């Protein structure tokens, strides 16, 4: 009965491997989630890319050839924030 009184209900909406995400990229350093709207996955092999999963259309991931240290979607608009390495001479 404790689950019926829980303040948060959990429901699996998607498994990343089911939409083609390799399990080696399902880590805290490769996956970001901003609210319940978007999931971003950085893939580094076989080529660098960022996969954007819009949770209103989770079975249609958008894969872009982007190199970044981290990626995060703005929850209010379709803007992707990227962080890359900074090198100083």
Protein backbone atom coordinates (compact mmCIF):
# COMPACT_ATOMS: atom_id res chain seq x y z
CA UNK A 1 0.00 0.00 0.00
CA UNK A 2 2.97 2.35 0.40
CA UNK A 3 3.19 2.80 -3.39
CA UNK A 4 -0.38 4.10 -3.52
CA UNK A 5 0.56 6.92 -1.14
CA UNK A 6 3.85 7.79 -2.85
CA UNK A 7 4.24 11.49 -3.80
CA UNK A 8 5.83 10.58 -7.16
CA UNK A 9 4.67 8.01 -9.67
CA UNK A 10 7.30 6.48 -11.96
CA UNK A 11 6.45 5.20 -15.43
CA UNK A 12 8.90 3.99 -18.07
CA UNK A 13 8.23 6.03 -21.19
CA UNK A 14 11.12 4.86 -23.36
CA UNK A 15 14.21 2.69 -23.41
CA UNK A 16 17.07 4.35 -25.26
CA UNK A 17 18.33 1.12 -26.90
CA UNK A 18 14.86 0.67 -28.46
CA UNK A 19 15.47 3.79 -30.57
CA UNK A 20 19.02 2.90 -31.58
CA UNK A 21 21.14 4.34 -28.76
CA UNK A 22 24.13 2.12 -28.00
CA UNK A 23 24.22 1.13 -24.33
CA UNK A 24 27.83 2.34 -24.01
CA UNK A 25 26.47 5.91 -24.27
CA UNK A 26 23.80 5.55 -21.60
CA UNK A 27 25.85 7.16 -18.83
CA UNK A 28 25.71 10.37 -16.80
CA UNK A 29 28.47 11.85 -18.97
CA UNK A 30 26.65 11.16 -22.25
CA UNK A 31 22.94 11.67 -21.46
CA UNK A 32 21.20 14.87 -20.35
CA UNK A 33 17.53 15.41 -19.65
CA UNK A 34 15.93 18.81 -19.26
CA UNK A 35 12.48 18.50 -17.70
CA UNK A 36 10.23 15.87 -19.22
CA UNK A 37 10.47 17.34 -22.74
CA UNK A 38 13.87 16.42 -24.18
CA UNK A 39 16.67 13.89 -23.79
CA UNK A 40 20.07 14.50 -25.42
CA UNK A 41 22.63 11.77 -25.97
CA UNK A 42 26.22 12.43 -27.03
CA UNK A 43 27.61 9.62 -29.15
CA UNK A 44 31.35 9.46 -29.71
CA UNK A 45 31.65 6.35 -31.85
CA UNK A 46 31.69 5.50 -34.75
CA UNK A 47 31.36 9.27 -35.30
CA UNK A 48 30.60 12.21 -33.02
CA UNK A 49 26.94 13.08 -32.94
CA UNK A 50 24.21 14.41 -30.69
CA UNK A 51 20.87 12.63 -30.61
CA UNK A 52 17.88 14.77 -29.58
CA UNK A 53 14.81 12.92 -28.37
CA UNK A 54 11.65 15.00 -28.23
CA UNK A 55 9.46 13.16 -25.72
CA UNK A 56 6.31 14.16 -27.62
CA UNK A 57 7.72 12.05 -30.51
CA UNK A 58 10.16 9.66 -28.80
CA UNK A 59 10.30 7.18 -31.68
CA UNK A 60 11.67 9.85 -34.05
CA UNK A 61 15.09 10.76 -32.62
CA UNK A 62 17.00 13.53 -34.39
CA UNK A 63 20.69 12.70 -34.92
CA UNK A 64 23.11 15.51 -35.84
CA UNK A 65 26.86 15.29 -36.57
CA UNK A 66 28.07 17.49 -33.69
CA UNK A 67 31.14 17.27 -31.46
CA UNK A 68 30.56 18.58 -27.92
CA UNK A 69 31.54 17.87 -24.32
CA UNK A 70 27.91 18.22 -23.26
CA UNK A 71 24.57 19.02 -24.86
CA UNK A 72 21.31 20.23 -23.34
CA UNK A 73 18.01 21.26 -24.90
CA UNK A 74 16.19 24.39 -23.78
CA UNK A 75 12.87 23.16 -22.31
CA UNK A 76 10.89 26.09 -23.73
CA UNK A 77 12.16 26.26 -27.31
CA UNK A 78 14.04 24.13 -29.81
CA UNK A 79 17.48 25.51 -28.90
CA UNK A 80 20.40 23.17 -28.26
CA UNK A 81 23.10 24.36 -25.86
CA UNK A 82 26.56 22.88 -26.48
CA UNK A 83 29.75 22.95 -24.46
CA UNK A 84 33.06 22.30 -26.18
CA UNK A 85 36.65 22.20 -25.11
CA UNK A 86 38.37 25.53 -24.72
CA UNK A 87 42.06 25.66 -25.57
CA UNK A 88 44.31 28.54 -24.68
CA UNK A 89 47.64 29.17 -26.37
